[in-house]
Amino acid sequence: MADKYVGLDVHMATTSYSVRDCEGKVVAEGIVATSGVNLVSLVRGIDGKVHLTFEEGTQAAWLYDLLKPYVEKLIVCDPRKASQKQEDKSDRIDANRLSELLRVGSLTPVYHGEKGTRGLKELVRGHRDLVRDVVRVKNRVKAIFRGRGIGVKGAAVYHPDKREVFLSQLDRKELVQRVQWYLEELDKLEELRDQSEAALKKEGRRHGGCRILCSMPGIGPVRAAQVVGVLDTPHRFRTKRQLWKYIGLSVVTKTSSDFVPTPNGFVRDAIAKYPTWKAYFNALVERGLEPEIARVTVARKIAAISLFIWKKGQRYDSSIALM
């Protein structure tokens, strides 16, 4: 049976499709309503071995689970790397472009798989969004006080028993009302954040990878659940260098508020807390590495060991840190 290469340009209401043969000729194209029944019917109605692609987006996870059983190969592609400069643009043109890029093997796939972690993924995303919302509201509250020259160091301004002290320093009742709204919103968000964290920990305990990663110094139940929820499986990374690239350790990374003072100067909070990583960091610096390079090296070490024990299914012990 001949291979067919199918590109889908998916939107909420409709999906444009393009079907090519091995020689690159478009043998079918059209539009169908975006529904599970219609898309499955479309794919099953194509003769030959179907190779299918569509771009990563809001509906990608649903489409992947829906259509994968009916095709020979499915690639969810990175839309940033699949885009091309072109004067004309339409859903039909985009579908044709995707089918051709699929045929010539020029698409960059986005990882999809491991149905067993889908529930964990949703909890990770929900917890992440709630944490961000809490931080956003806290920043709004502090910005109001700082904008009027009122010092608000630490978390005292958010504490229910101390709020009135800070609110009394504001000079307009409308401003007081605004801050009170934010603080009420913060109370509810923190409650939801705590609920999401409890649910995330509970779900994480169902996954062997989380239990293994929790044995690593510096990785707790929330962080372990986040790692498993994002990475799915360690076996998608053939080497530690592929993992480093995926998580941003092969390039320059920038963060803030991560340092704590020690007798030997300022070091990353995670490094200072755990003797294993602190000793490794100090040894690297003594060998002549710049502190910034040493920090990246420590982060790479943590990532590499996490990948190793996760793949092997064994818990961390101190001898592994000497690898």
Protein backbone atom coordinates (compact mmCIF):
# COMPACT_ATOMS: atom_id res chain seq x y z
CA MET A 1 0.00 0.00 0.00
CA ALA A 2 1.32 3.41 -0.96
CA ASP A 3 2.21 5.97 1.67
CA LYS A 4 0.09 9.10 1.98
CA TYR A 5 1.22 12.31 3.69
CA VAL A 6 -1.52 14.33 5.36
CA GLY A 7 -1.26 17.86 6.74
CA LEU A 8 -3.99 19.30 8.97
CA ASP A 9 -4.44 23.00 9.65
CA VAL A 10 -6.65 22.84 12.74
CA HIS A 11 -8.93 25.59 14.04
CA MET A 12 -11.75 25.58 16.56
CA ALA A 13 -14.58 25.29 14.01
CA THR A 14 -12.97 23.81 10.90
CA THR A 15 -9.89 21.86 9.82
CA SER A 16 -8.28 22.13 6.40
CA TYR A 17 -6.51 19.02 5.11
CA SER A 18 -4.09 18.20 2.34
CA VAL A 19 -3.16 14.68 1.19
CA ARG A 20 -0.05 13.99 -0.92
CA ASP A 21 1.33 10.84 -2.49
CA CYS A 22 4.97 9.73 -2.45
CA GLU A 23 5.78 11.87 -5.47
CA GLY A 24 4.47 15.04 -3.85
CA LYS A 25 1.25 15.34 -5.83
CA VAL A 26 -1.77 16.63 -3.91
CA VAL A 27 -4.39 13.90 -4.33
CA ALA A 28 -7.03 15.33 -2.00
CA GLU A 29 -7.75 18.49 -0.07
CA GLY A 30 -10.69 20.11 1.60
CA ILE A 31 -12.31 21.27 4.82
CA VAL A 32 -14.10 19.35 7.56
CA ALA A 33 -15.70 20.42 10.82
CA THR A 34 -13.33 20.05 13.77
CA SER A 35 -14.87 17.14 15.63
CA GLY A 36 -13.62 13.75 16.67
CA VAL A 37 -16.03 11.84 14.42
CA ASN A 38 -15.22 13.89 11.32
CA LEU A 39 -11.45 13.74 11.76
CA VAL A 40 -11.37 10.01 12.45
CA SER A 41 -13.60 9.43 9.43
CA LEU A 42 -11.27 11.56 7.28
CA VAL A 43 -8.14 9.67 8.30
CA ARG A 44 -9.71 6.22 8.02
CA GLY A 45 -10.99 7.04 4.55
CA ILE A 46 -7.49 7.61 3.12
CA ASP A 47 -6.06 4.62 1.25
CA GLY A 48 -2.55 3.46 2.08
CA LYS A 49 -0.26 3.99 5.04
CA VAL A 50 -1.12 7.39 6.47
CA HIS A 51 1.59 9.73 7.75
CA LEU A 52 -0.09 12.62 9.55
CA THR A 53 1.00 15.96 10.94
CA PHE A 54 -0.47 19.05 12.55
CA GLU A 55 1.01 21.89 14.57
CA GLU A 56 1.40 21.99 18.34
CA GLY A 57 -1.40 24.00 19.88
CA THR A 58 -4.38 24.00 22.23
CA GLN A 59 -5.98 20.95 20.61
CA ALA A 60 -2.78 19.00 19.91
CA ALA A 61 -2.94 16.62 22.90
CA TRP A 62 -6.58 15.74 22.16
CA LEU A 63 -5.86 15.18 18.45
CA TYR A 64 -2.79 13.08 19.20
CA ASP A 65 -4.72 10.65 21.40
CA LEU A 66 -7.66 10.64 18.99
CA LEU A 67 -5.87 10.00 15.70
CA LYS A 68 -2.70 8.09 16.57
CA PRO A 69 -4.40 4.65 16.54
CA TYR A 70 -5.48 5.17 12.91
CA VAL A 71 -2.20 6.24 11.29
CA GLU A 72 1.18 4.72 10.50
CA LYS A 73 3.06 7.72 11.87
CA LEU A 74 1.97 10.93 13.57
CA ILE A 75 4.12 14.02 14.08
CA VAL A 76 2.99 16.99 16.13
CA CYS A 77 5.29 19.65 14.74
CA ASP A 78 6.78 22.80 16.21
CA PRO A 79 4.93 25.69 14.51
CA ARG A 80 7.87 28.05 14.96
CA LYS A 81 10.15 25.78 12.95
CA ALA A 82 7.52 24.78 10.41
CA SER A 83 6.68 28.36 9.42
CA GLN A 84 8.06 29.80 6.20
CA LYS A 85 8.13 33.30 4.79
CA GLN A 86 5.44 33.53 2.15
CA GLU A 87 3.34 36.28 0.70
CA ASP A 88 0.12 34.27 0.43
CA LYS A 89 -1.41 32.62 3.47
CA SER A 90 -4.59 30.67 4.04
CA ASP A 91 -5.73 27.50 5.79
CA ARG A 92 -5.47 25.59 2.50
CA ILE A 93 -1.93 26.85 1.87
CA ASP A 94 -0.88 25.99 5.43
CA ALA A 95 -2.26 22.44 5.13
CA ASN A 96 -0.45 21.95 1.81
CA ARG A 97 2.78 23.26 3.30
CA LEU A 98 2.56 20.86 6.25
CA SER A 99 1.89 17.83 4.04
CA GLU A 100 4.89 18.66 1.86
CA LEU A 101 7.21 19.26 4.82
CA LEU A 102 6.07 15.95 6.25
CA ARG A 103 6.77 14.15 2.98
CA VAL A 104 10.34 15.48 2.71
CA GLY A 105 11.08 14.97 6.42
CA SER A 106 11.61 18.62 7.29
CA LEU A 107 9.41 18.87 10.39
CA THR A 108 10.63 19.23 13.98
CA PRO A 109 8.48 17.00 16.21
CA VAL A 110 7.09 18.03 19.58
CA TYR A 111 7.01 15.16 22.06
CA HIS A 112 3.63 13.63 22.83
CA GLY A 113 3.03 10.34 24.57
CA GLU A 114 2.84 8.54 27.89
CA LYS A 115 -0.91 8.62 28.55
CA GLY A 116 -0.23 7.56 32.11
CA THR A 117 1.09 11.01 32.98
CA ARG A 118 -1.73 13.04 31.40
CA GLY A 119 -3.53 13.50 34.72
CA LEU A 120 -0.30 14.55 36.41
CA LYS A 121 0.36 17.03 33.61
CA GLU A 122 -2.97 18.75 34.18
CA LEU A 123 -2.32 19.07 37.91
CA VAL A 124 1.19 20.41 37.26
CA ARG A 125 -0.21 23.06 34.92
CA GLY A 126 -2.96 24.02 37.34
CA HIS A 127 -0.55 24.32 40.26
CA ARG A 128 1.90 26.34 38.15
CA ASP A 129 -0.79 28.79 37.08
CA LEU A 130 -2.08 29.25 40.63
CA VAL A 131 1.45 29.89 41.94
CA ARG A 132 1.93 32.50 39.22
CA ASP A 133 -1.41 34.12 40.07
CA VAL A 134 -0.46 34.32 43.76
CA VAL A 135 2.85 35.99 42.91
CA ARG A 136 1.12 38.39 40.50
CA VAL A 137 -1.39 39.57 43.14
CA LYS A 138 1.32 39.94 45.77
CA ASN A 139 3.33 42.10 43.39
CA ARG A 140 0.29 44.30 42.77
CA VAL A 141 -0.19 44.86 46.50
CA LYS A 142 3.44 45.73 47.13
CA ALA A 143 3.57 47.98 44.07
CA ILE A 144 0.80 50.14 45.51
CA PHE A 145 2.62 50.68 48.81
CA ARG A 146 6.03 51.19 47.22
CA GLY A 147 4.52 53.66 44.78
CA ARG A 148 3.62 55.81 47.79
CA GLY A 149 6.95 55.48 49.57
CA ILE A 150 5.73 52.94 52.15
CA GLY A 151 8.21 50.18 52.97
CA VAL A 152 6.76 46.67 52.69
CA LYS A 153 9.64 44.25 53.11
CA GLY A 154 8.88 40.59 53.63
CA ALA A 155 5.44 39.03 53.81
CA ALA A 156 3.98 41.01 56.72
CA VAL A 157 1.74 43.08 54.44
CA TYR A 158 -0.14 39.93 53.42
CA HIS A 159 -0.67 38.60 56.96
CA PRO A 160 -4.33 38.92 58.05
CA ASP A 161 -3.40 40.21 61.52
CA LYS A 162 -1.09 42.93 60.19
CA ARG A 163 -2.98 44.20 57.18
CA GLU A 164 -4.80 46.98 59.00
CA VAL A 165 -1.49 48.50 60.08
CA PHE A 166 -0.43 48.85 56.46
CA LEU A 167 -3.86 49.86 55.16
CA SER A 168 -4.00 52.71 57.68
CA GLN A 169 -0.96 54.25 55.99
CA LEU A 170 -2.83 54.75 52.70
CA ASP A 171 -4.32 58.22 52.23
CA ARG A 172 -7.42 57.47 50.14
CA LYS A 173 -10.36 55.23 50.99
CA GLU A 174 -10.65 54.18 47.34
CA LEU A 175 -7.05 52.99 47.44
CA VAL A 176 -7.74 51.08 50.65
CA GLN A 177 -10.69 49.40 48.96
CA ARG A 178 -8.53 48.43 45.98
CA VAL A 179 -5.90 46.82 48.20
CA GLN A 180 -8.58 45.01 50.21
CA TRP A 181 -9.93 43.50 47.00
CA TYR A 182 -6.46 42.29 46.10
CA LEU A 183 -5.92 40.81 49.55
CA GLU A 184 -9.26 38.99 49.45
CA GLU A 185 -8.31 37.64 46.04
CA LEU A 186 -4.94 36.57 47.46
CA ASP A 187 -6.60 34.67 50.33
CA LYS A 188 -8.70 32.65 47.90
CA LEU A 189 -5.81 32.03 45.51
CA GLU A 190 -3.55 30.81 48.33
CA GLU A 191 -6.28 28.43 49.44
CA LEU A 192 -6.60 27.08 45.91
CA ARG A 193 -2.81 26.90 45.54
CA ASP A 194 -2.56 24.79 48.70
CA GLN A 195 -5.33 22.52 47.44
CA SER A 196 -3.55 22.12 44.11
CA GLU A 197 -0.28 21.33 45.87
CA ALA A 198 -1.95 18.63 47.97
CA ALA A 199 -3.56 17.13 44.86
CA LEU A 200 -0.23 17.27 43.01
CA LYS A 201 1.58 15.46 45.81
CA LYS A 202 -1.15 12.81 46.01
CA GLU A 203 -1.06 12.16 42.27
CA GLY A 204 2.75 12.14 42.30
CA ARG A 205 2.79 9.27 44.80
CA ARG A 206 1.12 7.12 42.13
CA HIS A 207 4.13 7.46 39.84
CA GLY A 208 7.30 5.47 40.44
CA GLY A 209 9.41 8.19 38.83
CA CYS A 210 8.31 10.69 41.48
CA ARG A 211 9.28 8.34 44.29
CA ILE A 212 12.70 7.79 42.72
CA LEU A 213 13.37 11.49 42.14
CA CYS A 214 12.34 12.37 45.71
CA SER A 215 15.38 10.44 46.91
CA MET A 216 17.61 13.09 45.29
CA PRO A 217 18.89 15.89 47.57
CA GLY A 218 16.99 19.06 46.72
CA ILE A 219 14.05 17.39 44.96
CA GLY A 220 10.85 17.25 46.99
CA PRO A 221 7.43 15.80 46.10
CA VAL A 222 6.23 18.92 44.27
CA ARG A 223 9.40 19.30 42.20
CA ALA A 224 9.46 15.57 41.43
CA ALA A 225 5.86 15.71 40.22
CA GLN A 226 6.70 18.72 38.05
CA VAL A 227 9.67 16.91 36.50
CA VAL A 228 7.68 13.78 35.70
CA GLY A 229 4.71 15.82 34.49
CA VAL A 230 6.86 17.81 32.07
CA LEU A 231 9.30 15.11 30.90
CA ASP A 232 6.91 12.11 30.94
CA THR A 233 9.64 9.49 30.70
CA PRO A 234 13.45 9.48 30.93
CA HIS A 235 13.71 7.18 27.92
CA ARG A 236 12.88 9.99 25.49
CA PHE A 237 16.42 11.29 26.18
CA ARG A 238 19.12 9.01 24.83
CA THR A 239 21.91 10.91 26.60
CA LYS A 240 22.22 13.46 29.38
CA ARG A 241 23.23 16.11 26.83
CA GLN A 242 19.85 15.85 25.16
CA LEU A 243 18.26 16.48 28.55
CA TRP A 244 20.54 19.45 29.19
CA LYS A 245 19.49 21.01 25.90
CA TYR A 246 15.81 20.39 26.58
CA ILE A 247 15.83 22.01 30.02
CA GLY A 248 18.03 24.94 29.00
CA LEU A 249 21.36 23.94 30.54
CA SER A 250 23.21 24.01 27.24
CA VAL A 251 22.64 27.75 26.91
CA VAL A 252 23.01 30.77 29.17
CA THR A 253 20.19 30.96 31.70
CA LYS A 254 19.24 33.93 33.85
CA THR A 255 17.30 33.95 37.11
CA SER A 256 16.98 36.22 40.13
CA SER A 257 16.65 36.03 43.92
CA ASP A 258 18.33 32.62 44.00
CA PHE A 259 21.35 33.49 46.18
CA VAL A 260 21.97 33.12 49.90
CA PRO A 261 25.01 34.36 51.88
CA THR A 262 27.54 31.82 53.16
CA PRO A 263 31.00 32.19 54.77
CA ASN A 264 32.46 31.59 51.31
CA GLY A 265 30.32 34.22 49.59
CA PHE A 266 26.96 34.11 47.86
CA VAL A 267 25.81 30.80 46.38
CA ARG A 268 22.59 29.46 44.91
CA ASP A 269 19.98 28.63 47.52
CA ALA A 270 19.69 24.99 46.39
CA ILE A 271 23.46 24.54 46.50
CA ALA A 272 23.78 26.01 49.99
CA LYS A 273 21.08 23.79 51.50
CA TYR A 274 22.49 20.43 50.49
CA PRO A 275 26.03 19.37 51.55
CA THR A 276 26.51 17.08 48.55
CA TRP A 277 26.01 19.86 46.00
CA LYS A 278 27.76 22.48 48.13
CA ALA A 279 30.89 20.32 48.38
CA TYR A 280 30.83 19.63 44.65
CA PHE A 281 30.41 23.33 43.87
CA ASN A 282 33.28 24.31 46.18
CA ALA A 283 35.53 21.68 44.60
CA LEU A 284 34.82 23.06 41.13
CA VAL A 285 35.62 26.61 42.23
CA GLU A 286 38.86 25.46 43.87
CA ARG A 287 39.85 23.84 40.56
CA GLY A 288 39.61 27.26 38.93
CA LEU A 289 36.11 27.30 37.43
CA GLU A 290 34.25 30.58 37.47
CA PRO A 291 31.33 30.49 39.95
CA GLU A 292 28.77 30.91 37.16
CA ILE A 293 30.22 27.98 35.23
CA ALA A 294 30.41 25.93 38.42
CA ARG A 295 26.71 26.57 39.10
CA VAL A 296 25.74 25.38 35.64
CA THR A 297 27.96 22.32 36.13
CA VAL A 298 26.21 21.51 39.42
CA ALA A 299 22.81 21.90 37.74
CA ARG A 300 23.93 19.58 34.95
CA LYS A 301 25.15 17.06 37.51
CA ILE A 302 21.78 17.07 39.27
CA ALA A 303 19.95 16.67 35.96
CA ALA A 304 22.25 13.85 34.79
CA ILE A 305 21.92 11.89 38.03
CA SER A 306 18.15 12.39 38.04
CA LEU A 307 17.97 11.00 34.52
CA PHE A 308 20.22 8.05 35.43
CA ILE A 309 18.31 6.91 38.55
CA TRP A 310 14.95 7.48 36.86
CA LYS A 311 15.96 5.30 33.90
CA LYS A 312 17.41 2.60 36.15
CA GLY A 313 14.48 2.72 38.57
CA GLN A 314 16.76 2.97 41.59
CA ARG A 315 16.83 5.43 44.44
CA TYR A 316 19.63 7.92 44.93
CA ASP A 317 22.59 7.13 47.16
CA SER A 318 25.74 9.14 47.80
CA SER A 319 27.94 6.89 45.65
CA ILE A 320 26.03 7.97 42.53
CA ALA A 321 27.07 11.59 43.12
CA LEU A 322 30.67 10.53 42.39
CA MET A 323 29.80 9.44 38.83
